[in-house]
All heavy atoms as atom14 arrays in JSON, in Angstrom:
{
  "sequence": "RFNAATRQMVAIARALSMRARLVIMDESTSSLDEREVETLFATIRKL",
  "atom14_mask": [
    [1, 1, 1, 1, 1, 1, 1, 1, 1, 1, 1, 0, 0, 0],
    [1, 1, 1, 1, 1, 1, 1, 1, 1, 1, 1, 0, 0, 0],
    [1, 1, 1, 1, 1, 1, 1, 1, 0, 0, 0, 0, 0, 0],
    [1, 1, 1, 1, 1, 0, 0, 0, 0, 0, 0, 0, 0, 0],
    [1, 1, 1, 1, 1, 0, 0, 0, 0, 0, 0, 0, 0, 0],
    [1, 1, 1, 1, 1, 1, 1, 0, 0, 0, 0, 0, 0, 0],
    [1, 1, 1, 1, 1, 1, 1, 1, 1, 1, 1, 0, 0, 0],
    [1, 1, 1, 1, 1, 1, 1, 1, 1, 0, 0, 0, 0, 0],
    [1, 1, 1, 1, 1, 1, 1, 1, 0, 0, 0, 0, 0, 0],
    [1, 1, 1, 1, 1, 1, 1, 0, 0, 0, 0, 0, 0, 0],
    [1, 1, 1, 1, 1, 0, 0, 0, 0, 0, 0, 0, 0, 0],
    [1, 1, 1, 1, 1, 1, 1, 1, 0, 0, 0, 0, 0, 0],
    [1, 1, 1, 1, 1, 0, 0, 0, 0, 0, 0, 0, 0, 0],
    [1, 1, 1, 1, 1, 1, 1, 1, 1, 1, 1, 0, 0, 0],
    [1, 1, 1, 1, 1, 0, 0, 0, 0, 0, 0, 0, 0, 0],
    [1, 1, 1, 1, 1, 1, 1, 1, 0, 0, 0, 0, 0, 0],
    [1, 1, 1, 1, 1, 1, 0, 0, 0, 0, 0, 0, 0, 0],
    [1, 1, 1, 1, 1, 1, 1, 1, 0, 0, 0, 0, 0, 0],
    [1, 1, 1, 1, 1, 1, 1, 1, 1, 1, 1, 0, 0, 0],
    [1, 1, 1, 1, 1, 0, 0, 0, 0, 0, 0, 0, 0, 0],
    [1, 1, 1, 1, 1, 1, 1, 1, 1, 1, 1, 0, 0, 0],
    [1, 1, 1, 1, 1, 1, 1, 1, 0, 0, 0, 0, 0, 0],
    [1, 1, 1, 1, 1, 1, 1, 0, 0, 0, 0, 0, 0, 0],
    [1, 1, 1, 1, 1, 1, 1, 1, 0, 0, 0, 0, 0, 0],
    [1, 1, 1, 1, 1, 1, 1, 1, 0, 0, 0, 0, 0, 0],
    [1, 1, 1, 1, 1, 1, 1, 1, 0, 0, 0, 0, 0, 0],
    [1, 1, 1, 1, 1, 1, 1, 1, 1, 0, 0, 0, 0, 0],
    [1, 1, 1, 1, 1, 1, 0, 0, 0, 0, 0, 0, 0, 0],
    [1, 1, 1, 1, 1, 1, 1, 0, 0, 0, 0, 0, 0, 0],
    [1, 1, 1, 1, 1, 1, 0, 0, 0, 0, 0, 0, 0, 0],
    [1, 1, 1, 1, 1, 1, 0, 0, 0, 0, 0, 0, 0, 0],
    [1, 1, 1, 1, 1, 1, 1, 1, 0, 0, 0, 0, 0, 0],
    [1, 1, 1, 1, 1, 1, 1, 1, 0, 0, 0, 0, 0, 0],
    [1, 1, 1, 1, 1, 1, 1, 1, 1, 0, 0, 0, 0, 0],
    [1, 1, 1, 1, 1, 1, 1, 1, 1, 1, 1, 0, 0, 0],
    [1, 1, 1, 1, 1, 1, 1, 1, 1, 0, 0, 0, 0, 0],
    [1, 1, 1, 1, 1, 1, 1, 0, 0, 0, 0, 0, 0, 0],
    [1, 1, 1, 1, 1, 1, 1, 1, 1, 0, 0, 0, 0, 0],
    [1, 1, 1, 1, 1, 1, 1, 0, 0, 0, 0, 0, 0, 0],
    [1, 1, 1, 1, 1, 1, 1, 1, 0, 0, 0, 0, 0, 0],
    [1, 1, 1, 1, 1, 1, 1, 1, 1, 1, 1, 0, 0, 0],
    [1, 1, 1, 1, 1, 0, 0, 0, 0, 0, 0, 0, 0, 0],
    [1, 1, 1, 1, 1, 1, 1, 0, 0, 0, 0, 0, 0, 0],
    [1, 1, 1, 1, 1, 1, 1, 1, 0, 0, 0, 0, 0, 0],
    [1, 1, 1, 1, 1, 1, 1, 1, 1, 1, 1, 0, 0, 0],
    [1, 1, 1, 1, 1, 1, 1, 1, 1, 0, 0, 0, 0, 0],
    [1, 1, 1, 1, 1, 1, 1, 1, 0, 0, 0, 0, 0, 0]
  ],
  "atom14_positions": [
    [[0.81, -1.22, 0.0], [0.0, 0.0, 0.0], [0.85, 1.27, 0.0], [0.32, 2.36, -0.15], [-0.93, 0.01, 1.21], [-1.98, -1.09, 1.18], [-2.99, -0.93, 2.31], [-3.98, -2.01, 2.28], [-4.97, -2.11, 3.15], [-5.11, -1.19, 4.12], [-5.83, -3.12, 3.07], [0.0, 0.0, 0.0], [0.0, 0.0, 0.0], [0.0, 0.0, 0.0]],
    [[2.17, 1.1, 0.18], [3.03, 2.27, 0.29], [3.79, 2.52, -1.01], [3.93, 1.62, -1.85], [4.01, 2.1, 1.46], [3.33, 2.0, 2.8], [3.07, 0.75, 3.36], [2.92, 3.14, 3.47], [2.43, 0.65, 4.59], [2.29, 3.05, 4.7], [2.04, 1.81, 5.26], [0.0, 0.0, 0.0], [0.0, 0.0, 0.0], [0.0, 0.0, 0.0]],
    [[4.29, 3.76, -1.16], [5.01, 4.11, -2.39], [6.41, 3.5, -2.39], [6.86, 2.89, -1.43], [5.07, 5.64, -2.56], [5.82, 6.33, -1.43], [6.59, 5.71, -0.69], [5.61, 7.63, -1.29], [0.0, 0.0, 0.0], [0.0, 0.0, 0.0], [0.0, 0.0, 0.0], [0.0, 0.0, 0.0], [0.0, 0.0, 0.0], [0.0, 0.0, 0.0]],
    [[7.1, 3.7, -3.54], [8.41, 3.07, -3.73], [9.42, 3.54, -2.69], [10.24, 2.75, -2.21], [8.92, 3.35, -5.13], [0.0, 0.0, 0.0], [0.0, 0.0, 0.0], [0.0, 0.0, 0.0], [0.0, 0.0, 0.0], [0.0, 0.0, 0.0], [0.0, 0.0, 0.0], [0.0, 0.0, 0.0], [0.0, 0.0, 0.0], [0.0, 0.0, 0.0]],
    [[9.38, 4.83, -2.35], [10.34, 5.36, -1.39], [10.17, 4.7, -0.02], [11.15, 4.34, 0.64], [10.2, 6.87, -1.28], [0.0, 0.0, 0.0], [0.0, 0.0, 0.0], [0.0, 0.0, 0.0], [0.0, 0.0, 0.0], [0.0, 0.0, 0.0], [0.0, 0.0, 0.0], [0.0, 0.0, 0.0], [0.0, 0.0, 0.0], [0.0, 0.0, 0.0]],
    [[8.93, 4.55, 0.41], [8.68, 3.91, 1.7], [9.13, 2.46, 1.68], [9.72, 1.95, 2.65], [7.18, 4.0, 2.06], [6.79, 5.38, 2.14], [6.9, 3.31, 3.39], [0.0, 0.0, 0.0], [0.0, 0.0, 0.0], [0.0, 0.0, 0.0], [0.0, 0.0, 0.0], [0.0, 0.0, 0.0], [0.0, 0.0, 0.0], [0.0, 0.0, 0.0]],
    [[8.89, 1.77, 0.56], [9.34, 0.37, 0.47], [10.87, 0.29, 0.53], [11.42, -0.65, 1.13], [8.81, -0.25, -0.83], [7.29, -0.38, -0.87], [6.82, -1.33, -1.95], [7.18, -0.89, -3.29], [6.42, -0.1, -4.04], [5.26, 0.36, -3.56], [6.8, 0.23, -5.26], [0.0, 0.0, 0.0], [0.0, 0.0, 0.0], [0.0, 0.0, 0.0]],
    [[11.55, 1.28, -0.07], [13.01, 1.32, 0.04], [13.43, 1.49, 1.5], [14.37, 0.84, 1.97], [13.57, 2.48, -0.79], [13.5, 2.29, -2.28], [14.59, 1.37, -2.79], [15.29, 0.73, -2.02], [14.74, 1.29, -4.1], [0.0, 0.0, 0.0], [0.0, 0.0, 0.0], [0.0, 0.0, 0.0], [0.0, 0.0, 0.0], [0.0, 0.0, 0.0]],
    [[12.74, 2.37, 2.23], [13.08, 2.59, 3.63], [12.85, 1.32, 4.45], [13.63, 1.01, 5.36], [12.24, 3.73, 4.21], [12.48, 5.1, 3.61], [14.21, 5.64, 3.72], [14.67, 5.55, 2.01], [0.0, 0.0, 0.0], [0.0, 0.0, 0.0], [0.0, 0.0, 0.0], [0.0, 0.0, 0.0], [0.0, 0.0, 0.0], [0.0, 0.0, 0.0]],
    [[11.8, 0.6, 4.13], [11.53, -0.65, 4.83], [12.64, -1.67, 4.54], [13.11, -2.38, 5.45], [10.16, -1.22, 4.43], [9.96, -2.63, 4.99], [9.04, -0.3, 4.92], [0.0, 0.0, 0.0], [0.0, 0.0, 0.0], [0.0, 0.0, 0.0], [0.0, 0.0, 0.0], [0.0, 0.0, 0.0], [0.0, 0.0, 0.0], [0.0, 0.0, 0.0]],
    [[13.09, -1.72, 3.3], [14.2, -2.62, 2.95], [15.46, -2.26, 3.72], [16.2, -3.13, 4.19], [14.45, -2.58, 1.45], [0.0, 0.0, 0.0], [0.0, 0.0, 0.0], [0.0, 0.0, 0.0], [0.0, 0.0, 0.0], [0.0, 0.0, 0.0], [0.0, 0.0, 0.0], [0.0, 0.0, 0.0], [0.0, 0.0, 0.0], [0.0, 0.0, 0.0]],
    [[15.71, -0.95, 3.85], [16.88, -0.51, 4.61], [16.7, -0.83, 6.09], [17.65, -1.27, 6.76], [17.13, 0.99, 4.4], [17.5, 1.25, 2.93], [18.23, 1.5, 5.31], [17.59, 2.72, 2.57], [0.0, 0.0, 0.0], [0.0, 0.0, 0.0], [0.0, 0.0, 0.0], [0.0, 0.0, 0.0], [0.0, 0.0, 0.0], [0.0, 0.0, 0.0]],
    [[15.5, -0.61, 6.61], [15.24, -0.94, 8.01], [15.46, -2.43, 8.27], [16.0, -2.81, 9.32], [13.8, -0.54, 8.38], [0.0, 0.0, 0.0], [0.0, 0.0, 0.0], [0.0, 0.0, 0.0], [0.0, 0.0, 0.0], [0.0, 0.0, 0.0], [0.0, 0.0, 0.0], [0.0, 0.0, 0.0], [0.0, 0.0, 0.0], [0.0, 0.0, 0.0]],
    [[15.05, -3.26, 7.32], [15.3, -4.69, 7.46], [16.79, -4.97, 7.53], [17.25, -5.78, 8.35], [14.67, -5.44, 6.28], [14.97, -6.92, 6.25], [14.24, -7.62, 5.12], [14.75, -8.98, 4.94], [14.37, -10.02, 5.67], [13.49, -9.85, 6.64], [14.86, -11.22, 5.45], [0.0, 0.0, 0.0], [0.0, 0.0, 0.0], [0.0, 0.0, 0.0]],
    [[17.56, -4.28, 6.67], [19.01, -4.47, 6.68], [19.6, -4.07, 8.02], [20.46, -4.76, 8.57], [19.64, -3.65, 5.56], [0.0, 0.0, 0.0], [0.0, 0.0, 0.0], [0.0, 0.0, 0.0], [0.0, 0.0, 0.0], [0.0, 0.0, 0.0], [0.0, 0.0, 0.0], [0.0, 0.0, 0.0], [0.0, 0.0, 0.0], [0.0, 0.0, 0.0]],
    [[19.13, -2.94, 8.57], [19.67, -2.49, 9.85], [19.25, -3.4, 10.99], [19.99, -3.55, 11.97], [19.21, -1.05, 10.12], [19.8, 0.02, 9.19], [19.35, 1.4, 9.62], [21.31, -0.05, 9.16], [0.0, 0.0, 0.0], [0.0, 0.0, 0.0], [0.0, 0.0, 0.0], [0.0, 0.0, 0.0], [0.0, 0.0, 0.0], [0.0, 0.0, 0.0]],
    [[18.05, -3.98, 10.86], [17.61, -4.9, 11.92], [18.5, -6.13, 11.97], [18.56, -6.84, 12.97], [16.15, -5.31, 11.69], [16.05, -6.2, 10.59], [0.0, 0.0, 0.0], [0.0, 0.0, 0.0], [0.0, 0.0, 0.0], [0.0, 0.0, 0.0], [0.0, 0.0, 0.0], [0.0, 0.0, 0.0], [0.0, 0.0, 0.0], [0.0, 0.0, 0.0]],
    [[19.21, -6.39, 10.85], [20.17, -7.49, 10.82], [21.55, -7.03, 11.3], [22.52, -7.77, 11.23], [20.32, -8.02, 9.38], [19.06, -8.52, 8.74], [19.41, -9.0, 7.02], [17.77, -9.29, 6.42], [0.0, 0.0, 0.0], [0.0, 0.0, 0.0], [0.0, 0.0, 0.0], [0.0, 0.0, 0.0], [0.0, 0.0, 0.0], [0.0, 0.0, 0.0]],
    [[21.6, -5.77, 11.73], [22.87, -5.17, 12.16], [23.88, -5.15, 11.02], [25.05, -5.55, 11.19], [23.43, -5.89, 13.39], [22.5, -5.8, 14.59], [23.07, -6.46, 15.81], [22.16, -6.36, 16.93], [22.36, -6.88, 18.13], [23.47, -7.59, 18.34], [21.49, -6.73, 19.09], [0.0, 0.0, 0.0], [0.0, 0.0, 0.0], [0.0, 0.0, 0.0]],
    [[23.4, -4.72, 9.87], [24.26, -4.68, 8.69], [25.39, -3.67, 8.87], [25.19, -2.57, 9.38], [23.44, -4.31, 7.46], [0.0, 0.0, 0.0], [0.0, 0.0, 0.0], [0.0, 0.0, 0.0], [0.0, 0.0, 0.0], [0.0, 0.0, 0.0], [0.0, 0.0, 0.0], [0.0, 0.0, 0.0], [0.0, 0.0, 0.0], [0.0, 0.0, 0.0]],
    [[26.59, -4.07, 8.45], [27.74, -3.15, 8.44], [28.02, -2.63, 7.04], [28.66, -1.6, 6.87], [28.97, -3.88, 8.99], [28.86, -4.2, 10.47], [30.12, -4.86, 10.98], [30.23, -6.24, 10.52], [31.32, -6.98, 10.65], [32.4, -6.45, 11.2], [31.34, -8.24, 10.24], [0.0, 0.0, 0.0], [0.0, 0.0, 0.0], [0.0, 0.0, 0.0]],
    [[27.52, -3.37, 6.03], [27.62, -2.94, 4.64], [26.26, -3.13, 3.99], [25.69, -4.22, 4.03], [28.67, -3.76, 3.88], [28.7, -3.54, 2.36], [29.14, -2.12, 2.02], [29.61, -4.55, 1.67], [0.0, 0.0, 0.0], [0.0, 0.0, 0.0], [0.0, 0.0, 0.0], [0.0, 0.0, 0.0], [0.0, 0.0, 0.0], [0.0, 0.0, 0.0]],
    [[25.74, -2.05, 3.42], [24.47, -2.11, 2.68], [24.78, -1.89, 1.2], [25.36, -0.87, 0.83], [23.47, -1.05, 3.18], [22.19, -1.09, 2.34], [23.14, -1.28, 4.65], [0.0, 0.0, 0.0], [0.0, 0.0, 0.0], [0.0, 0.0, 0.0], [0.0, 0.0, 0.0], [0.0, 0.0, 0.0], [0.0, 0.0, 0.0], [0.0, 0.0, 0.0]],
    [[24.42, -2.85, 0.37], [24.62, -2.75, -1.07], [23.32, -2.28, -1.7], [22.28, -2.94, -1.55], [25.04, -4.1, -1.67], [26.33, -4.59, -1.0], [25.23, -4.0, -3.18], [26.71, -6.02, -1.36], [0.0, 0.0, 0.0], [0.0, 0.0, 0.0], [0.0, 0.0, 0.0], [0.0, 0.0, 0.0], [0.0, 0.0, 0.0], [0.0, 0.0, 0.0]],
    [[23.36, -1.15, -2.39], [22.18, -0.6, -3.05], [22.37, -0.69, -4.56], [23.17, 0.03, -5.14], [21.96, 0.85, -2.62], [21.65, 1.01, -1.15], [21.21, 2.71, -0.7], [20.85, 2.49, 1.05], [0.0, 0.0, 0.0], [0.0, 0.0, 0.0], [0.0, 0.0, 0.0], [0.0, 0.0, 0.0], [0.0, 0.0, 0.0], [0.0, 0.0, 0.0]],
    [[21.63, -1.61, -5.17], [21.78, -1.89, -6.6], [20.66, -1.19, -7.37], [19.53, -1.65, -7.4], [21.73, -3.4, -6.83], [22.12, -3.78, -8.25], [22.37, -2.87, -9.06], [22.17, -4.98, -8.54], [0.0, 0.0, 0.0], [0.0, 0.0, 0.0], [0.0, 0.0, 0.0], [0.0, 0.0, 0.0], [0.0, 0.0, 0.0], [0.0, 0.0, 0.0]],
    [[20.99, -0.04, -7.98], [20.01, 0.75, -8.75], [18.77, 1.04, -7.92], [17.63, 0.97, -8.4], [19.62, 0.01, -10.04], [20.76, -0.17, -11.02], [21.2, 1.12, -11.69], [20.51, 2.13, -11.54], [22.25, 1.11, -12.35], [0.0, 0.0, 0.0], [0.0, 0.0, 0.0], [0.0, 0.0, 0.0], [0.0, 0.0, 0.0], [0.0, 0.0, 0.0]],
    [[18.98, 1.43, -6.67], [17.86, 1.62, -5.76], [17.04, 2.87, -6.06], [15.94, 3.03, -5.52], [18.37, 1.69, -4.31], [18.94, 0.47, -3.93], [0.0, 0.0, 0.0], [0.0, 0.0, 0.0], [0.0, 0.0, 0.0], [0.0, 0.0, 0.0], [0.0, 0.0, 0.0], [0.0, 0.0, 0.0], [0.0, 0.0, 0.0], [0.0, 0.0, 0.0]],
    [[17.55, 3.78, -6.89], [16.81, 5.02, -7.16], [16.01, 4.96, -8.45], [15.34, 5.92, -8.8], [17.79, 6.21, -7.27], [18.65, 6.02, -8.4], [18.63, 6.34, -6.02], [0.0, 0.0, 0.0], [0.0, 0.0, 0.0], [0.0, 0.0, 0.0], [0.0, 0.0, 0.0], [0.0, 0.0, 0.0], [0.0, 0.0, 0.0], [0.0, 0.0, 0.0]],
    [[16.06, 3.83, -9.17], [15.49, 3.79, -10.52], [13.99, 4.04, -10.53], [13.45, 4.55, -11.51], [15.8, 2.44, -11.17], [15.24, 1.39, -10.43], [0.0, 0.0, 0.0], [0.0, 0.0, 0.0], [0.0, 0.0, 0.0], [0.0, 0.0, 0.0], [0.0, 0.0, 0.0], [0.0, 0.0, 0.0], [0.0, 0.0, 0.0], [0.0, 0.0, 0.0]],
    [[13.27, 3.66, -9.45], [11.82, 3.82, -9.43], [11.37, 4.98, -8.54], [10.18, 5.12, -8.26], [11.17, 2.51, -8.94], [11.63, 2.18, -7.64], [0.0, 0.0, 0.0], [0.0, 0.0, 0.0], [0.0, 0.0, 0.0], [0.0, 0.0, 0.0], [0.0, 0.0, 0.0], [0.0, 0.0, 0.0], [0.0, 0.0, 0.0], [0.0, 0.0, 0.0]],
    [[12.31, 5.83, -8.11], [11.97, 6.92, -7.2], [11.92, 8.24, -7.94], [12.63, 8.47, -8.91], [13.01, 7.01, -6.07], [13.29, 5.74, -5.26], [14.28, 6.05, -4.16], [12.0, 5.18, -4.68], [0.0, 0.0, 0.0], [0.0, 0.0, 0.0], [0.0, 0.0, 0.0], [0.0, 0.0, 0.0], [0.0, 0.0, 0.0], [0.0, 0.0, 0.0]],
    [[11.05, 9.16, -7.45], [11.07, 10.51, -8.0], [12.13, 11.33, -7.27], [12.79, 10.85, -6.34], [9.68, 11.17, -7.92], [9.18, 11.35, -6.49], [10.01, 11.52, -5.56], [7.95, 11.34, -6.28], [0.0, 0.0, 0.0], [0.0, 0.0, 0.0], [0.0, 0.0, 0.0], [0.0, 0.0, 0.0], [0.0, 0.0, 0.0], [0.0, 0.0, 0.0]],
    [[12.32, 12.59, -7.69], [13.44, 13.38, -7.16], [13.33, 13.6, -5.66], [14.32, 13.55, -4.94], [13.52, 14.72, -7.91], [13.95, 14.57, -9.35], [14.17, 15.9, -10.04], [14.22, 16.93, -9.34], [14.27, 15.92, -11.29], [0.0, 0.0, 0.0], [0.0, 0.0, 0.0], [0.0, 0.0, 0.0], [0.0, 0.0, 0.0], [0.0, 0.0, 0.0]],
    [[12.1, 13.85, -5.17], [11.93, 14.06, -3.73], [12.26, 12.79, -2.96], [12.92, 12.83, -1.91], [10.49, 14.49, -3.45], [10.19, 14.75, -1.97], [8.73, 15.09, -1.77], [7.86, 14.06, -2.3], [7.58, 12.92, -1.65], [8.13, 12.68, -0.45], [6.77, 12.03, -2.18], [0.0, 0.0, 0.0], [0.0, 0.0, 0.0], [0.0, 0.0, 0.0]],
    [[11.83, 11.65, -3.49], [12.1, 10.37, -2.84], [13.6, 10.05, -2.87], [14.13, 9.46, -1.92], [11.29, 9.27, -3.52], [9.79, 9.41, -3.29], [8.97, 8.48, -4.17], [9.5, 8.04, -5.22], [7.81, 8.21, -3.83], [0.0, 0.0, 0.0], [0.0, 0.0, 0.0], [0.0, 0.0, 0.0], [0.0, 0.0, 0.0], [0.0, 0.0, 0.0]],
    [[14.27, 10.43, -3.96], [15.72, 10.22, -4.04], [16.42, 11.01, -2.94], [17.35, 10.51, -2.29], [16.26, 10.62, -5.42], [17.78, 10.66, -5.42], [15.78, 9.64, -6.48], [0.0, 0.0, 0.0], [0.0, 0.0, 0.0], [0.0, 0.0, 0.0], [0.0, 0.0, 0.0], [0.0, 0.0, 0.0], [0.0, 0.0, 0.0], [0.0, 0.0, 0.0]],
    [[15.99, 12.25, -2.72], [16.61, 13.06, -1.66], [16.39, 12.42, -0.29], [17.28, 12.45, 0.57], [16.04, 14.48, -1.69], [16.63, 15.35, -2.78], [18.16, 15.4, -2.7], [18.7, 15.57, -1.59], [18.81, 15.24, -3.75], [0.0, 0.0, 0.0], [0.0, 0.0, 0.0], [0.0, 0.0, 0.0], [0.0, 0.0, 0.0], [0.0, 0.0, 0.0]],
    [[15.21, 11.82, -0.08], [14.95, 11.12, 1.18], [15.91, 9.94, 1.33], [16.48, 9.71, 2.41], [13.49, 10.62, 1.22], [12.6, 11.72, 1.11], [13.22, 9.86, 2.51], [0.0, 0.0, 0.0], [0.0, 0.0, 0.0], [0.0, 0.0, 0.0], [0.0, 0.0, 0.0], [0.0, 0.0, 0.0], [0.0, 0.0, 0.0], [0.0, 0.0, 0.0]],
    [[16.1, 9.21, 0.25], [17.03, 8.07, 0.28], [18.45, 8.55, 0.56], [19.17, 7.93, 1.37], [16.98, 7.31, -1.04], [17.94, 6.12, -1.16], [17.61, 5.05, -0.14], [17.91, 5.54, -2.57], [0.0, 0.0, 0.0], [0.0, 0.0, 0.0], [0.0, 0.0, 0.0], [0.0, 0.0, 0.0], [0.0, 0.0, 0.0], [0.0, 0.0, 0.0]],
    [[18.86, 9.64, -0.09], [20.22, 10.15, 0.13], [20.41, 10.59, 1.58], [21.48, 10.4, 2.16], [20.5, 11.31, -0.82], [20.75, 10.88, -2.25], [21.01, 11.82, -3.23], [20.73, 9.54, -2.61], [21.24, 11.42, -4.54], [20.95, 9.14, -3.9], [21.21, 10.08, -4.88], [0.0, 0.0, 0.0], [0.0, 0.0, 0.0], [0.0, 0.0, 0.0]],
    [[19.38, 11.22, 2.15], [19.47, 11.62, 3.56], [19.64, 10.4, 4.45], [20.4, 10.42, 5.43], [18.22, 12.41, 3.96], [0.0, 0.0, 0.0], [0.0, 0.0, 0.0], [0.0, 0.0, 0.0], [0.0, 0.0, 0.0], [0.0, 0.0, 0.0], [0.0, 0.0, 0.0], [0.0, 0.0, 0.0], [0.0, 0.0, 0.0], [0.0, 0.0, 0.0]],
    [[18.96, 9.31, 4.09], [19.09, 8.07, 4.85], [20.49, 7.5, 4.71], [21.08, 7.01, 5.69], [18.05, 7.05, 4.35], [16.74, 7.59, 4.52], [18.16, 5.74, 5.11], [0.0, 0.0, 0.0], [0.0, 0.0, 0.0], [0.0, 0.0, 0.0], [0.0, 0.0, 0.0], [0.0, 0.0, 0.0], [0.0, 0.0, 0.0], [0.0, 0.0, 0.0]],
    [[21.04, 7.55, 3.5], [22.4, 7.05, 3.28], [23.39, 7.83, 4.14], [24.29, 7.26, 4.78], [22.78, 7.15, 1.79], [21.98, 6.12, 0.99], [24.28, 6.94, 1.59], [22.17, 6.24, -0.5], [0.0, 0.0, 0.0], [0.0, 0.0, 0.0], [0.0, 0.0, 0.0], [0.0, 0.0, 0.0], [0.0, 0.0, 0.0], [0.0, 0.0, 0.0]],
    [[23.22, 9.16, 4.18], [24.13, 9.98, 5.0], [24.0, 9.65, 6.48], [24.99, 9.66, 7.22], [23.86, 11.45, 4.73], [24.17, 11.88, 3.29], [23.94, 13.35, 3.04], [24.16, 13.69, 1.64], [23.21, 13.97, 0.77], [21.94, 13.98, 1.17], [23.5, 14.25, -0.49], [0.0, 0.0, 0.0], [0.0, 0.0, 0.0], [0.0, 0.0, 0.0]],
    [[22.79, 9.34, 6.89], [22.59, 8.95, 8.29], [23.28, 7.62, 8.58], [23.93, 7.46, 9.61], [21.08, 8.85, 8.59], [20.76, 8.4, 10.02], [19.27, 8.39, 10.25], [18.95, 7.82, 11.62], [19.55, 8.59, 12.72], [0.0, 0.0, 0.0], [0.0, 0.0, 0.0], [0.0, 0.0, 0.0], [0.0, 0.0, 0.0], [0.0, 0.0, 0.0]],
    [[23.16, 6.67, 7.65], [23.81, 5.37, 7.84], [25.31, 5.52, 7.94], [25.94, 4.95, 8.85], [23.47, 4.45, 6.66], [22.03, 3.96, 6.52], [21.86, 3.15, 5.24], [21.62, 3.14, 7.73], [0.0, 0.0, 0.0], [0.0, 0.0, 0.0], [0.0, 0.0, 0.0], [0.0, 0.0, 0.0], [0.0, 0.0, 0.0], [0.0, 0.0, 0.0]]
  ]
}
């Protein structure tokens, strides 16, 4: 029921719940609009 950006955040949250030390993002922005990309980039900087 959620948009692509939220699904990306959920995928990242799943990775962090595994205590990930390396997150591989393979073309993760391809389905996001510009605002959603900025949200993803802010998340990357936080990580």
